[in-house]
Amino acid sequence: MNTSPLYADQEEWKELQQFLPERLRLTAPAHLPAEEFWDWNCHRIHLDRYLNPDAPAKAILHHGVGTNGRQMTLILGKVLADRGWEVTSLDNLGYGMTQVAQGTTPGYSDWVQMVTDYLAQEKARDDRPIVLYGLSAGGMLTYHVAAHAPKGTLAGIVGMTFLDQRVPKVAHDTAHDPLTAALGPALMGVLSKTPLRSLRYPMTVASKMSALANNDGAMKVFLRDRSSAGNAMWVKFLAEYMSYVPDVEPADFDACPVLLTQPAEDRWSPYELSVPVLSKITKVPVQTVMLDGAGHYPLEEPGLAQMQDAIDAFIREVTADR
C-alpha cells in the first residue's frame, strides 16, 4: 500500500487559491496535475506533472526556500501546460511532498545534483529542449544547475531573482535580521562540521520569510504550511546554501540564455539584489521583465499575467531552432 503524502490530501495549497485570480484556481479534477514520485539516491522526489508527448519543449519548475512545487503549479505550471508545453514542478529535498531517506542530512549541493540528475533523465527519455524556472532561491538554483550540468542540457533558465549569497549585501538584505546576517553564515559553517549539522533550523528565523507575499491573509496560510514557508531546514543545508560556489562564475557563464522575471513590489529580494549576478553575464543573452504590482510570491495582476506571458515567449524563443 502506498502511504506517500500527496497534495490531494493537503489543505494549505487549496486555501492559498482564494488569494489568486479566479482564472488560476484549480477547482476541477481535470485541472490538476498528475502526482508522481521519482526515486533518487533513496529519496522519493515528488513531481507535479502535466505530461504532453506532443509538446515541442518541456518546462521544469522549482520552488524557493519558502515555497513548494504545488505553489509553482498554481502560478505558472497549469498556465504553461494550457499553452502547449509539458510541465513538471519539483519538490526538492526537505520541501513539499518529497520524502527524504531516513538517516540522511541533505545539503544544498544535493539540491543542485538532484535537479541535474532529473534533467539528465528527461534528456534520456527524449531530446526535447528544456527550460528550467526557479522562484526566489530557486532562481539562483537554475543558474547553479545550468553551470553544473553538461553543456546543452538546458535551452534557457528563468529566475524570479538570482541571489548569490556570497555577496554580503545579498546575504544581509535577505536574512531575517542584521544579527542573523552577520553571524549566520559563519555559525552555520562551523556547526555543519559537527554532529549538529542534522539539526533543523526554522526558515522563518533564518530568512525574511515575512516578505514572501504582500497579502496578509496569504502569509498566514504560507506560515502554517510546514511543507513550504513554515518549514525548518538542516544546518548543513543552510551552510552550503550561503557559501555555494558555482562550477562556472557569472563572467564565464555561457550555458544558455537567461530571463529574470522580477516582481516590482518584491519586499524580500528587489531587482538590485540580482544585479551582482546578471551584470556579469555577458556571453549569453540576458532579459529582464518587471512584474507590475507583484510581490515576491506573485499573487497580483497584472504582474502574474506579465510573468506567464514573458516565460511563455521566452520558451518559444530559446527552443525555436531546436
Protein backbone atom coordinates (compact mmCIF):
# COMPACT_ATOMS: atom_id res chain seq x y z
CA MET A 1 0.00 0.00 0.00
CA ASN A 2 1.36 3.44 -0.98
CA THR A 3 1.45 5.76 2.03
CA SER A 4 3.31 8.60 0.31
CA PRO A 5 1.91 12.05 1.13
CA LEU A 6 0.09 13.79 -1.70
CA TYR A 7 -1.13 17.32 -2.34
CA ALA A 8 -4.55 15.78 -2.92
CA ASP A 9 -4.71 15.41 0.86
CA GLN A 10 -3.20 18.79 1.78
CA GLU A 11 -5.37 21.81 2.57
CA GLU A 12 -2.91 24.71 2.54
CA TRP A 13 -2.44 24.99 -1.22
CA LYS A 14 -6.21 24.81 -1.66
CA GLU A 15 -6.66 27.67 0.82
CA LEU A 16 -3.97 29.71 -0.94
CA GLN A 17 -6.03 29.74 -4.12
CA GLN A 18 -8.53 32.23 -2.67
CA PHE A 19 -5.80 34.88 -2.94
CA LEU A 20 -5.12 34.13 -6.61
CA PRO A 21 -7.07 35.43 -9.61
CA GLU A 22 -10.02 33.16 -10.32
CA ARG A 23 -8.53 32.13 -13.68
CA LEU A 24 -5.68 30.33 -11.87
CA ARG A 25 -7.68 28.30 -9.37
CA LEU A 26 -7.51 24.53 -9.77
CA THR A 27 -11.12 23.81 -8.88
CA ALA A 28 -11.88 20.80 -11.07
CA PRO A 29 -10.16 17.38 -11.15
CA ALA A 30 -9.30 17.91 -14.82
CA HIS A 31 -7.22 20.98 -13.85
CA LEU A 32 -4.95 19.07 -11.50
CA PRO A 33 -1.52 17.71 -12.39
CA ALA A 34 -0.68 14.05 -12.03
CA GLU A 35 1.23 13.37 -8.81
CA GLU A 36 4.20 11.05 -9.21
CA PHE A 37 7.36 10.09 -7.33
CA TRP A 38 10.87 9.66 -8.70
CA ASP A 39 13.37 7.61 -6.69
CA TRP A 40 16.71 9.38 -6.38
CA ASN A 41 19.52 8.27 -4.06
CA CYS A 42 17.00 6.55 -1.75
CA HIS A 43 14.87 9.73 -1.57
CA ARG A 44 11.39 9.92 -3.12
CA ILE A 45 11.11 13.12 -5.14
CA HIS A 46 7.55 14.37 -5.64
CA LEU A 47 6.54 15.60 -9.09
CA ASP A 48 3.50 17.59 -10.22
CA ARG A 49 3.26 16.68 -13.92
CA TYR A 50 1.31 17.81 -16.94
CA LEU A 51 2.61 15.27 -19.44
CA ASN A 52 2.26 16.15 -23.13
CA PRO A 53 4.26 13.98 -25.55
CA ASP A 54 3.25 16.31 -28.39
CA ALA A 55 4.69 19.41 -26.72
CA PRO A 56 7.73 20.82 -28.54
CA ALA A 57 9.54 21.57 -25.27
CA LYS A 58 9.45 20.99 -21.53
CA ALA A 59 9.35 23.43 -18.63
CA ILE A 60 10.70 22.25 -15.26
CA LEU A 61 9.63 24.42 -12.31
CA HIS A 62 11.47 24.71 -8.99
CA HIS A 63 10.41 26.38 -5.74
CA GLY A 64 12.45 28.51 -3.33
CA VAL A 65 13.11 28.15 0.40
CA GLY A 66 9.61 29.38 1.31
CA THR A 67 7.51 27.59 -1.27
CA ASN A 68 6.91 24.16 -2.83
CA GLY A 69 6.20 22.59 -6.18
CA ARG A 70 2.41 22.80 -5.95
CA GLN A 71 2.69 26.55 -5.38
CA MET A 72 4.66 26.72 -8.66
CA THR A 73 1.90 24.75 -10.37
CA LEU A 74 -0.64 27.33 -9.15
CA ILE A 75 1.02 30.45 -10.51
CA LEU A 76 2.72 29.03 -13.60
CA GLY A 77 2.52 25.28 -14.23
CA LYS A 78 -1.11 24.93 -15.32
CA VAL A 79 -0.89 28.07 -17.48
CA LEU A 80 2.18 26.78 -19.35
CA ALA A 81 0.54 23.38 -19.78
CA ASP A 82 -2.55 25.06 -21.27
CA ARG A 83 -0.25 26.88 -23.71
CA GLY A 84 1.09 23.61 -25.05
CA TRP A 85 4.21 22.87 -23.01
CA GLU A 86 4.98 19.74 -21.00
CA VAL A 87 5.40 20.87 -17.39
CA THR A 88 6.85 19.32 -14.24
CA SER A 89 7.05 21.02 -10.83
CA LEU A 90 9.65 19.52 -8.49
CA ASP A 91 9.68 19.29 -4.70
CA ASN A 92 13.30 19.32 -3.64
CA LEU A 93 14.70 17.65 -0.53
CA GLY A 94 13.00 18.94 2.60
CA TYR A 95 10.05 20.58 0.84
CA GLY A 96 6.59 19.72 -0.39
CA MET A 97 5.65 16.06 -0.55
CA THR A 98 9.18 14.78 -1.22
CA GLN A 99 10.28 12.08 1.24
CA VAL A 100 13.87 12.29 2.46
CA ALA A 101 15.62 8.99 3.16
CA GLN A 102 15.77 8.22 6.87
CA GLY A 103 19.12 8.90 8.47
CA THR A 104 20.32 11.34 5.80
CA THR A 105 21.12 15.05 6.05
CA PRO A 106 20.93 16.65 2.60
CA GLY A 107 22.76 19.85 1.73
CA TYR A 108 22.25 22.50 -0.92
CA SER A 109 24.72 20.68 -3.19
CA ASP A 110 22.27 17.76 -3.14
CA TRP A 111 19.57 20.14 -4.42
CA VAL A 112 21.77 21.05 -7.36
CA GLN A 113 22.70 17.43 -8.07
CA MET A 114 19.14 16.16 -7.81
CA VAL A 115 17.87 18.65 -10.38
CA THR A 116 20.87 17.96 -12.63
CA ASP A 117 20.16 14.23 -12.50
CA TYR A 118 16.46 14.77 -13.12
CA LEU A 119 17.27 16.80 -16.22
CA ALA A 120 19.59 14.01 -17.41
CA GLN A 121 16.76 11.53 -17.03
CA GLU A 122 14.44 13.79 -19.00
CA LYS A 123 17.02 14.16 -21.77
CA ALA A 124 17.39 10.37 -21.87
CA ARG A 125 13.60 9.95 -22.15
CA ASP A 126 13.52 12.18 -25.23
CA ASP A 127 15.61 15.02 -26.57
CA ARG A 128 13.06 17.81 -26.47
CA PRO A 129 14.57 21.09 -25.23
CA ILE A 130 14.11 22.02 -21.56
CA VAL A 131 13.74 25.39 -19.85
CA LEU A 132 14.30 25.50 -16.08
CA TYR A 133 12.41 28.01 -13.92
CA GLY A 134 13.04 28.89 -10.28
CA LEU A 135 11.21 31.17 -7.85
CA SER A 136 13.18 33.06 -5.19
CA ALA A 137 16.17 30.91 -4.14
CA GLY A 138 15.14 28.61 -6.97
CA GLY A 139 16.26 31.30 -9.41
CA MET A 140 19.90 31.02 -8.40
CA LEU A 141 19.48 27.25 -8.32
CA THR A 142 18.62 27.36 -12.03
CA TYR A 143 21.94 29.11 -12.59
CA HIS A 144 23.84 26.64 -10.41
CA VAL A 145 22.26 23.70 -12.25
CA ALA A 146 22.97 25.22 -15.68
CA ALA A 147 26.60 25.73 -14.64
CA HIS A 148 26.85 22.18 -13.28
CA ALA A 149 25.02 20.19 -15.96
CA PRO A 150 26.61 19.10 -19.23
CA LYS A 151 26.51 21.87 -21.82
CA GLY A 152 23.40 21.67 -23.95
CA THR A 153 21.22 20.27 -21.17
CA LEU A 154 19.16 23.45 -20.92
CA ALA A 155 17.79 25.73 -23.60
CA GLY A 156 17.29 28.54 -21.09
CA ILE A 157 16.82 29.44 -17.43
CA VAL A 158 14.28 31.74 -15.80
CA GLY A 159 14.64 33.14 -12.30
CA MET A 160 12.41 35.17 -10.02
CA THR A 161 15.62 36.81 -8.69
CA PHE A 162 19.19 35.49 -8.88
CA LEU A 163 20.63 35.71 -5.37
CA ASP A 164 24.31 34.98 -4.77
CA GLN A 165 24.51 34.59 -1.00
CA ARG A 166 28.29 35.05 -1.12
CA VAL A 167 27.66 38.75 -1.80
CA PRO A 168 27.47 40.48 1.60
CA LYS A 169 24.64 42.85 0.66
CA VAL A 170 22.54 39.96 -0.68
CA ALA A 171 23.11 37.89 2.46
CA HIS A 172 22.36 40.90 4.67
CA ASP A 173 19.19 42.03 2.89
CA THR A 174 17.60 38.59 2.58
CA ALA A 175 18.30 37.43 6.15
CA HIS A 176 15.76 37.63 8.96
CA ASP A 177 17.64 40.41 10.77
CA PRO A 178 21.09 42.09 10.88
CA LEU A 179 22.38 39.80 13.63
CA THR A 180 21.41 36.68 11.68
CA ALA A 181 23.03 38.20 8.60
CA ALA A 182 26.26 38.97 10.45
CA LEU A 183 26.67 35.74 12.39
CA GLY A 184 24.59 33.18 10.49
CA PRO A 185 26.96 32.13 7.68
CA ALA A 186 29.98 31.62 9.96
CA LEU A 187 27.95 29.90 12.68
CA MET A 188 26.24 27.54 10.24
CA GLY A 189 29.60 26.80 8.65
CA VAL A 190 31.09 25.77 11.99
CA LEU A 191 28.05 23.74 13.09
CA SER A 192 27.90 21.95 9.73
CA LYS A 193 31.22 20.29 10.57
CA THR A 194 29.78 18.82 13.78
CA PRO A 195 27.00 16.32 14.59
CA LEU A 196 24.72 19.37 14.87
CA ARG A 197 24.67 19.54 11.06
CA SER A 198 21.47 17.50 11.13
CA LEU A 199 19.58 19.95 13.34
CA ARG A 200 16.70 21.70 11.58
CA TYR A 201 16.50 25.49 11.81
CA PRO A 202 13.21 27.35 11.16
CA MET A 203 13.30 29.21 7.86
CA THR A 204 11.15 31.93 9.41
CA VAL A 205 14.12 32.70 11.68
CA ALA A 206 16.83 32.26 9.04
CA SER A 207 15.25 34.41 6.33
CA LYS A 208 12.95 37.34 5.68
CA MET A 209 10.01 34.95 5.28
CA SER A 210 7.51 37.61 6.37
CA ALA A 211 8.10 39.26 2.98
CA LEU A 212 7.20 36.15 0.95
CA ALA A 213 3.81 37.55 -0.05
CA ASN A 214 2.31 41.03 0.10
CA ASN A 215 -1.09 39.76 1.23
CA ASP A 216 -1.53 39.24 4.98
CA GLY A 217 -4.12 36.51 4.57
CA ALA A 218 -1.89 34.57 2.17
CA MET A 219 1.04 34.93 4.58
CA LYS A 220 -0.97 33.26 7.33
CA VAL A 221 -1.55 30.27 5.06
CA PHE A 222 2.09 30.13 3.96
CA LEU A 223 3.43 30.24 7.51
CA ARG A 224 1.07 27.48 8.62
CA ASP A 225 2.35 25.24 5.83
CA ARG A 226 5.17 23.01 7.09
CA SER A 227 5.87 21.93 3.50
CA SER A 228 6.77 25.48 2.43
CA ALA A 229 7.21 28.72 4.41
CA GLY A 230 6.66 27.06 7.80
CA ASN A 231 9.49 24.64 7.12
CA ALA A 232 12.76 24.09 9.01
CA MET A 233 15.92 23.09 7.15
CA TRP A 234 19.10 21.32 8.16
CA VAL A 235 22.09 23.32 9.39
CA LYS A 236 24.17 21.57 6.72
CA PHE A 237 21.80 22.80 4.01
CA LEU A 238 21.92 26.40 5.24
CA ALA A 239 25.71 26.38 5.48
CA GLU A 240 26.05 25.13 1.91
CA TYR A 241 23.32 27.44 0.60
CA MET A 242 25.09 30.53 1.96
CA SER A 243 28.52 29.58 0.65
CA TYR A 244 27.87 27.56 -2.52
CA VAL A 245 30.46 28.09 -5.25
CA PRO A 246 29.13 27.50 -8.78
CA ASP A 247 31.02 25.40 -11.30
CA VAL A 248 31.17 28.46 -13.55
CA GLU A 249 31.19 32.05 -12.31
CA PRO A 250 28.83 34.54 -13.99
CA ALA A 251 31.57 36.25 -16.04
CA ASP A 252 32.26 32.92 -17.76
CA PHE A 253 28.70 31.60 -17.94
CA ASP A 254 27.73 30.61 -21.49
CA ALA A 255 25.38 27.67 -20.96
CA CYS A 256 22.11 29.24 -22.17
CA PRO A 257 20.05 32.46 -22.30
CA VAL A 258 18.72 33.91 -19.05
CA LEU A 259 15.41 35.58 -18.15
CA LEU A 260 14.73 37.45 -14.91
CA THR A 261 11.05 37.95 -14.07
CA GLN A 262 11.33 40.48 -11.26
CA PRO A 263 8.29 41.35 -9.12
CA ALA A 264 8.16 45.15 -8.98
CA GLU A 265 6.84 45.16 -5.39
CA ASP A 266 9.21 42.49 -4.05
CA ARG A 267 9.93 43.31 -0.40
CA TRP A 268 12.35 40.39 0.05
CA SER A 269 14.66 40.48 -2.96
CA PRO A 270 14.29 43.61 -5.11
CA TYR A 271 15.94 43.91 -8.51
CA GLU A 272 19.17 45.36 -7.13
CA LEU A 273 20.00 42.05 -5.41
CA SER A 274 20.10 40.19 -8.75
CA VAL A 275 22.46 42.74 -10.33
CA PRO A 276 25.68 41.22 -8.89
CA VAL A 277 24.96 38.05 -10.89
CA LEU A 278 23.23 39.31 -14.02
CA SER A 279 25.53 42.27 -14.65
CA LYS A 280 28.45 39.88 -15.06
CA ILE A 281 26.73 37.56 -17.57
CA THR A 282 27.78 38.84 -21.00
CA LYS A 283 28.36 35.68 -23.06
CA VAL A 284 24.65 34.82 -23.44
CA PRO A 285 21.52 37.00 -23.76
CA VAL A 286 20.00 38.25 -20.51
CA GLN A 287 16.46 39.65 -20.40
CA THR A 288 14.60 41.32 -17.55
CA VAL A 289 10.83 41.69 -17.27
CA MET A 290 9.33 43.69 -14.39
CA LEU A 291 6.07 42.36 -12.97
CA ASP A 292 3.82 45.30 -12.13
CA GLY A 293 2.19 45.25 -8.71
CA ALA A 294 3.53 41.80 -7.83
CA GLY A 295 5.16 40.62 -4.61
CA HIS A 296 7.91 38.05 -4.10
CA TYR A 297 5.45 35.19 -4.49
CA PRO A 298 3.26 36.92 -7.06
CA LEU A 299 -0.46 36.83 -6.33
CA GLU A 300 -1.29 40.06 -8.09
CA GLU A 301 -2.34 41.16 -11.54
CA PRO A 302 -1.10 42.43 -13.91
CA GLY A 303 2.23 41.04 -12.72
CA LEU A 304 1.07 37.42 -12.86
CA ALA A 305 -0.10 37.70 -16.45
CA GLN A 306 3.11 39.54 -17.40
CA MET A 307 5.18 36.76 -15.85
CA GLN A 308 3.26 34.00 -17.60
CA ASP A 309 3.40 35.76 -20.97
CA ALA A 310 7.12 36.53 -20.63
CA ILE A 311 8.05 32.95 -19.73
CA ASP A 312 5.88 31.51 -22.49
CA ALA A 313 7.52 33.85 -25.02
CA PHE A 314 10.99 33.03 -23.69
CA ILE A 315 10.41 29.28 -24.04
CA ARG A 316 9.26 29.81 -27.63
CA GLU A 317 12.28 31.96 -28.37
CA VAL A 318 15.01 29.73 -26.93
CA THR A 319 13.54 26.47 -28.26
CA ALA A 320 12.54 27.66 -31.72
CA ASP A 321 15.56 26.22 -33.53
CA ARG A 322 15.88 23.01 -31.53
